[in-house]
Amino acid sequence: MIRTVESPPHASAPVLAAYSYCETVTAQQARNFAYGIRLLPTPKRRAMSALYAFSRRVDDIGDGKLDDDVKAARLEDTRALLTRIREAGIDEDDTDPVAVALAHAARAFPIPLDGLDELIDGVLMDVGGETYETWDDLKAYCRCVAGAIGRLSLGVFGTEPGARGAERAPEYADTLGLALQLTNILRDIREDAEDGRTYLPADDLAKFGCSAGLSGPTPPEGSDFAGLVHFEVRRARALFAEGYRLLPMLDRRSGACVAAMAGIYRRLLDRIERDPEAVLRGRVSLPGREKAYVAVRGLSGLDARHVSRRTVRRRA
């Protein structure tokens, strides 16, 4: 069972400044993520911002315009920094605010920092131009870049004492990460294709006549693009249904955070399902007021109670 530390260590002025930097990065760049973590108490919110800022640094290296060999070297440098954090080799007056904040967060909460190694591994797969023949292949990638983030976040959230089935919480957190990542992949189909990246499994693309590529504003001639999207949406919904079993294991505010982030992505999935070709015309997104509604719904505990009732019915 995973529990958070009851009394986070004191945060000095340099540490608070480092956290402030990470929170600014999160607010400016994390659109959907920021809506969820604002529901957390301050220590958890700061820790999640530190995790995001480090993860963002890794993603930005992978998505940047540098040559691939330079990207790979920088990712390995970032891995070396992570090793220093893991080995308590970062001083509070270090010049890297992300490292300072993450090092403090790792002392405050049982964060499985190896998950950030997995993230680096996943981004190295992007740099290497990895493609995926089957769903099992893609799932391995998604576990690196998103499932690992779910498990890292669980280290901050913790589970409620006595929560039934809490030993499976990391599994559910991982699965919820996969659901979010598959939704991202559907949303970003055209953008990724224009960058030379194809994430959907080759088997699925071939099955629906989309092997020619999806970099244009319309589907390939003769393809069943809507069928492809609906197939992947069903897969994502099954992952959400499994991952949502995490919610009753969390305290109210952590559950609200997870429900808000997942709820935003589920609504994105609804929009994509209603108009599959929208993802080829531009980025599908939710307006701020709808995100705020999802956050309020998460804070109310509606999603967690729904999952609890459904789980009880399954056991009956």
Foldseek 3Di string as FASTA:
>chain_A
DFAFAPDQDDADPLLVVLLVVLLVCCVVPVVLLNLLLVLDPDLLSSLLSLVVVLLVVLVCLLPDDDQLVVSLVVLVVSVVLLVCLVVVNDDSPDPNSSSNNNSSSVRRWVFPSVLVVLLSVLSNCSSVQHEAADPVRLLSSLLNNFLSSLRRSCRSQTFDVPDPPCVCLSVLSSLLRSLLVLLVCLQQQQVQVVVVHDRDHPNLCVVFVQNVGQNALDGDPPGPQLVSLVVSLVVSVVSNLSSLLNLLGGPLSNSLSSQLSSVQSNVSSVVCNVPVSVSSVHGDHDDPVVSNVSSVVSNVCPSVVVSVVVVVVVVD
